[in-house]
Amino acid sequence: MKSIEISHETYQRSKQLFIAYAIGGITVFAILTATERELRHRIVDVADYIASGSQAPEPIEQPPAVLEVESEPRPRGVLPPVEPVEMVAPESEPVDYYGTGTMLPPIDDPFVSDDIAKDMAKIKDLPMLFTDAEVAALIEIESGGDLYLMGDNGNAYGCLQIWDKYLADVNETHGTFFRAEDMLGNRKLSILCMNAYMHRHAPNHSFEMRARVHNKGPDAKKPGHKQYIKANAYWKKAQKAMQTQLAKR
């Protein structure tokens, strides 16, 4: 009888296929056996139930679903009527919207993340160091009220044109994690951060010194310092803006 040579690779492949088929067959047999056992138990349960003389409960009839159909079909492309919604006019008078004594026209709070909301909670109860007219004047000369302004070559953000290095000071003092981008569209946060900054660098100073500090940093409140001199033009703008704000009141 002629012998047939089989390579080691073919042998191993055949062995694997045999094992796979064997496992598959055993699995199918186990499933069929379990199914048969379950079916037998079901038959016995039904037989016991019939022998006891009990009757199966009556099925509960569900009321037929009512489909609302319009009496007259709408022309193609015509939408169904919509109930009118009552529109409420916003408040027109300035209010203490921020709870900080700053009387500015109310605006809707933008969406902020949970992290920003937690950080805002750390500084929102600081006593407000600015009057309503002072805040409005600084916003006017910084951005003209543009909440989304990015100035100074993309370094200053929001209505008060706040920098990252400005916020680094606030973060260090109050354990917050604000970034300049967070000021965009958020007037409330910008005001709170400016106020927090002044609580460290100008807590008992005049509006003039706070305006100078906001513009050129802590050294700008020192007469004769180069930063104080650089802030002279800014203070002139702030004075003019203050006169305009006071005239409105």
Protein backbone atom coordinates (compact mmCIF):
# COMPACT_ATOMS: atom_id res chain seq x y z
CA MET A 1 0.00 0.00 0.00
CA LYS A 2 1.33 3.39 -1.00
CA SER A 3 1.89 5.79 1.92
CA ILE A 4 0.73 9.41 1.80
CA GLU A 5 2.98 12.07 3.26
CA ILE A 6 1.25 14.90 5.14
CA SER A 7 3.07 18.08 6.06
CA HIS A 8 3.23 19.17 9.67
CA GLU A 9 1.25 22.33 8.86
CA THR A 10 -1.58 20.34 7.25
CA TYR A 11 -1.65 17.99 10.21
CA GLN A 12 -1.93 20.82 12.71
CA ARG A 13 -4.70 22.49 10.70
CA SER A 14 -6.67 19.23 10.50
CA LYS A 15 -6.24 18.72 14.21
CA GLN A 16 -7.59 22.18 14.98
CA LEU A 17 -10.60 21.66 12.71
CA PHE A 18 -11.38 18.34 14.38
CA ILE A 19 -11.24 19.88 17.83
CA ALA A 20 -13.45 22.79 16.73
CA TYR A 21 -16.08 20.45 15.24
CA ALA A 22 -16.01 18.30 18.36
CA ILE A 23 -16.57 21.29 20.65
CA GLY A 24 -19.35 22.54 18.39
CA GLY A 25 -21.09 19.19 18.43
CA ILE A 26 -20.88 18.96 22.21
CA THR A 27 -22.30 22.49 22.55
CA VAL A 28 -25.23 21.74 20.24
CA PHE A 29 -25.96 18.51 22.12
CA ALA A 30 -25.95 20.37 25.45
CA ILE A 31 -28.35 23.02 24.13
CA LEU A 32 -30.74 20.43 22.73
CA THR A 33 -30.64 18.46 25.98
CA ALA A 34 -31.38 21.55 28.05
CA THR A 35 -34.20 22.55 25.70
CA GLU A 36 -35.74 19.09 25.92
CA ARG A 37 -35.51 19.10 29.71
CA GLU A 38 -37.17 22.54 29.89
CA LEU A 39 -39.95 21.43 27.54
CA ARG A 40 -40.69 18.38 29.67
CA HIS A 41 -40.99 20.54 32.78
CA ARG A 42 -43.40 22.83 30.95
CA ILE A 43 -45.60 19.91 29.90
CA VAL A 44 -45.69 18.60 33.47
CA ASP A 45 -46.64 22.02 34.82
CA VAL A 46 -49.50 22.34 32.33
CA ALA A 47 -50.75 18.84 33.13
CA ASP A 48 -50.73 19.60 36.89
CA TYR A 49 -52.59 22.84 36.28
CA ILE A 50 -55.33 21.08 34.27
CA ALA A 51 -55.62 18.29 36.83
CA SER A 52 -56.20 20.81 39.61
CA GLY A 53 -59.39 22.02 37.86
CA SER A 54 -58.26 25.62 37.64
CA GLN A 55 -59.28 27.74 34.71
CA ALA A 56 -56.97 30.02 32.83
CA PRO A 57 -57.68 33.75 33.45
CA GLU A 58 -59.65 35.62 30.87
CA PRO A 59 -57.46 37.80 28.66
CA ILE A 60 -57.82 41.53 29.31
CA GLU A 61 -59.24 43.33 26.32
CA GLN A 62 -57.47 46.55 25.50
CA PRO A 63 -59.55 49.40 24.04
CA PRO A 64 -58.79 49.97 20.39
CA ALA A 65 -56.39 52.80 19.69
CA VAL A 66 -58.04 55.93 18.35
CA LEU A 67 -56.23 57.53 15.47
CA GLU A 68 -56.99 61.21 15.10
CA VAL A 69 -57.53 62.07 11.46
CA GLU A 70 -58.08 65.55 10.18
CA SER A 71 -61.52 66.08 8.70
CA GLU A 72 -60.02 67.71 5.62
CA PRO A 73 -56.61 66.84 4.25
CA ARG A 74 -54.06 69.65 4.26
CA PRO A 75 -52.58 70.74 0.95
CA ARG A 76 -49.12 69.40 0.37
CA GLY A 77 -46.44 71.55 1.95
CA VAL A 78 -48.79 73.23 4.48
CA LEU A 79 -47.85 72.71 8.13
CA PRO A 80 -50.45 72.14 10.88
CA PRO A 81 -51.49 75.20 12.93
CA VAL A 82 -49.32 76.12 15.93
CA GLU A 83 -50.68 77.45 19.21
CA PRO A 84 -49.56 81.07 19.80
CA VAL A 85 -47.01 81.62 22.59
CA GLU A 86 -47.26 84.65 24.84
CA MET A 87 -44.08 86.74 24.66
CA VAL A 88 -42.93 88.56 27.80
CA ALA A 89 -40.99 91.77 27.30
CA PRO A 90 -37.64 91.97 29.14
CA GLU A 91 -37.09 94.41 31.95
CA SER A 92 -36.23 97.85 30.62
CA GLU A 93 -34.96 99.42 33.85
CA PRO A 94 -31.42 98.69 35.07
CA VAL A 95 -31.42 96.23 37.95
CA ASP A 96 -28.88 94.83 40.37
CA TYR A 97 -28.64 91.81 38.10
CA TYR A 98 -25.38 90.45 39.46
CA GLY A 99 -26.14 90.89 43.14
CA THR A 100 -22.98 92.97 43.45
CA GLY A 101 -24.34 96.52 43.40
CA THR A 102 -23.56 96.95 39.71
CA MET A 103 -26.68 98.42 38.11
CA LEU A 104 -26.37 97.34 34.49
CA PRO A 105 -29.02 96.29 31.97
CA PRO A 106 -29.85 92.60 32.54
CA ILE A 107 -28.51 89.98 30.14
CA ASP A 108 -28.96 86.26 29.99
CA ASP A 109 -26.14 84.29 31.58
CA PRO A 110 -24.29 82.29 28.95
CA PHE A 111 -23.83 78.59 29.40
CA VAL A 112 -20.80 77.82 31.55
CA SER A 113 -19.26 74.49 32.47
CA ASP A 114 -19.53 73.08 35.97
CA ASP A 115 -15.88 73.93 36.60
CA ILE A 116 -16.37 77.60 35.70
CA ALA A 117 -19.54 77.76 37.79
CA LYS A 118 -17.65 76.38 40.81
CA ASP A 119 -14.87 78.94 40.34
CA MET A 120 -17.40 81.78 39.97
CA ALA A 121 -18.90 80.75 43.30
CA LYS A 122 -15.51 81.41 44.95
CA ILE A 123 -15.47 85.09 43.96
CA LYS A 124 -19.11 86.10 43.59
CA ASP A 125 -19.54 87.02 47.28
CA LEU A 126 -16.60 89.44 47.36
CA PRO A 127 -17.82 92.99 48.13
CA MET A 128 -18.12 94.98 44.91
CA LEU A 129 -15.45 97.71 44.81
CA PHE A 130 -16.93 99.50 41.76
CA THR A 131 -20.10 101.51 41.34
CA ASP A 132 -22.46 100.89 38.45
CA ALA A 133 -21.21 103.97 36.60
CA GLU A 134 -17.56 102.97 37.07
CA VAL A 135 -18.08 99.48 35.67
CA ALA A 136 -20.08 100.82 32.73
CA ALA A 137 -17.37 103.41 32.01
CA LEU A 138 -14.59 100.80 31.93
CA ILE A 139 -16.63 98.51 29.70
CA GLU A 140 -17.24 101.43 27.33
CA ILE A 141 -13.57 102.34 26.89
CA GLU A 142 -12.37 98.73 26.83
CA SER A 143 -14.77 97.22 24.31
CA GLY A 144 -17.73 99.51 23.67
CA GLY A 145 -19.87 96.76 25.19
CA ASP A 146 -18.72 94.03 22.78
CA LEU A 147 -18.86 90.83 24.85
CA TYR A 148 -16.94 88.84 22.23
CA LEU A 149 -14.12 91.26 21.49
CA MET A 150 -10.61 89.81 21.19
CA GLY A 151 -8.15 92.68 21.23
CA ASP A 152 -4.43 93.36 21.73
CA ASN A 153 -3.43 90.85 19.05
CA GLY A 154 -5.71 88.16 20.49
CA ASN A 155 -4.47 88.46 24.09
CA ALA A 156 -7.37 90.41 25.64
CA TYR A 157 -10.84 88.88 25.87
CA GLY A 158 -14.38 90.02 26.55
CA CYS A 159 -16.01 93.30 27.47
CA LEU A 160 -13.24 94.24 29.93
CA GLN A 161 -10.38 92.97 27.73
CA ILE A 162 -8.86 90.68 30.35
CA TRP A 163 -5.54 88.91 29.77
CA ASP A 164 -4.36 85.48 30.90
CA LYS A 165 -1.65 87.03 33.11
CA TYR A 166 -4.39 89.13 34.77
CA LEU A 167 -6.35 85.95 35.52
CA ALA A 168 -3.22 84.12 36.69
CA ASP A 169 -3.16 86.62 39.57
CA VAL A 170 -6.86 85.98 40.32
CA ASN A 171 -6.35 82.22 40.16
CA GLU A 172 -3.38 82.34 42.52
CA THR A 173 -5.27 84.46 45.06
CA HIS A 174 -8.63 82.68 45.02
CA GLY A 175 -7.77 79.11 43.99
CA THR A 176 -9.61 79.36 40.68
CA PHE A 177 -8.70 78.19 37.18
CA PHE A 178 -10.03 80.91 34.87
CA ARG A 179 -8.67 81.45 31.36
CA ALA A 180 -8.97 84.54 29.22
CA GLU A 181 -11.20 82.69 26.75
CA ASP A 182 -13.76 82.19 29.54
CA MET A 183 -14.48 85.94 29.45
CA LEU A 184 -15.90 85.79 25.92
CA GLY A 185 -19.64 86.43 25.99
CA ASN A 186 -19.69 86.49 29.79
CA ARG A 187 -20.02 90.02 31.15
CA LYS A 188 -20.85 88.77 34.64
CA LEU A 189 -17.66 86.71 34.88
CA SER A 190 -15.54 89.57 33.51
CA ILE A 191 -16.85 91.95 36.18
CA LEU A 192 -16.35 89.42 38.97
CA CYS A 193 -12.76 88.71 37.89
CA MET A 194 -11.90 92.42 37.71
CA ASN A 195 -13.38 92.89 41.17
CA ALA A 196 -11.42 89.91 42.53
CA TYR A 197 -8.21 91.32 41.02
CA MET A 198 -8.77 94.67 42.73
CA HIS A 199 -9.38 93.01 46.10
CA ARG A 200 -5.71 92.05 46.00
CA HIS A 201 -4.12 95.07 44.36
CA ALA A 202 -6.39 98.06 45.06
CA PRO A 203 -8.85 97.21 47.83
CA ASN A 204 -8.88 100.67 49.46
CA HIS A 205 -8.05 102.88 46.50
CA SER A 206 -9.96 105.38 44.40
CA PHE A 207 -11.58 104.63 41.08
CA GLU A 208 -8.69 106.41 39.38
CA MET A 209 -6.15 104.01 40.86
CA ARG A 210 -8.29 100.98 40.09
CA ALA A 211 -8.69 102.11 36.50
CA ARG A 212 -4.92 102.54 36.21
CA VAL A 213 -4.30 99.11 37.79
CA HIS A 214 -6.80 97.48 35.45
CA ASN A 215 -4.97 99.00 32.49
CA LYS A 216 -1.29 98.63 33.45
CA GLY A 217 -1.10 96.36 36.49
CA PRO A 218 -0.39 96.84 40.22
CA ASP A 219 2.53 99.25 39.72
CA ALA A 220 0.24 101.72 37.94
CA LYS A 221 -1.15 102.90 41.28
CA LYS A 222 2.28 104.26 42.30
CA PRO A 223 2.69 107.91 41.24
CA GLY A 224 5.93 108.42 39.38
CA HIS A 225 6.25 104.78 38.33
CA LYS A 226 6.57 104.22 34.59
CA GLN A 227 3.38 102.14 34.57
CA TYR A 228 1.54 104.99 36.30
CA ILE A 229 2.70 107.35 33.56
CA LYS A 230 1.72 104.90 30.81
CA ALA A 231 -1.80 104.74 32.28
CA ASN A 232 -2.35 108.53 32.08
CA ALA A 233 -4.04 108.35 28.67
CA TYR A 234 -6.28 105.51 29.87
CA TRP A 235 -7.34 107.50 32.92
CA LYS A 236 -8.32 110.45 30.75
CA LYS A 237 -10.58 108.15 28.71
CA ALA A 238 -12.05 106.72 31.93
CA GLN A 239 -12.82 110.23 33.24
CA LYS A 240 -14.64 111.14 30.04
CA ALA A 241 -16.58 107.85 30.04
CA MET A 242 -17.54 108.44 33.69
CA GLN A 243 -18.94 111.87 32.87
CA THR A 244 -21.04 110.28 30.11
CA GLN A 245 -22.33 107.59 32.43
CA LEU A 246 -23.20 110.03 35.20
CA ALA A 247 -25.03 112.25 32.72
CA LYS A 248 -27.26 109.29 31.82
CA ARG A 249 -28.26 108.96 35.46
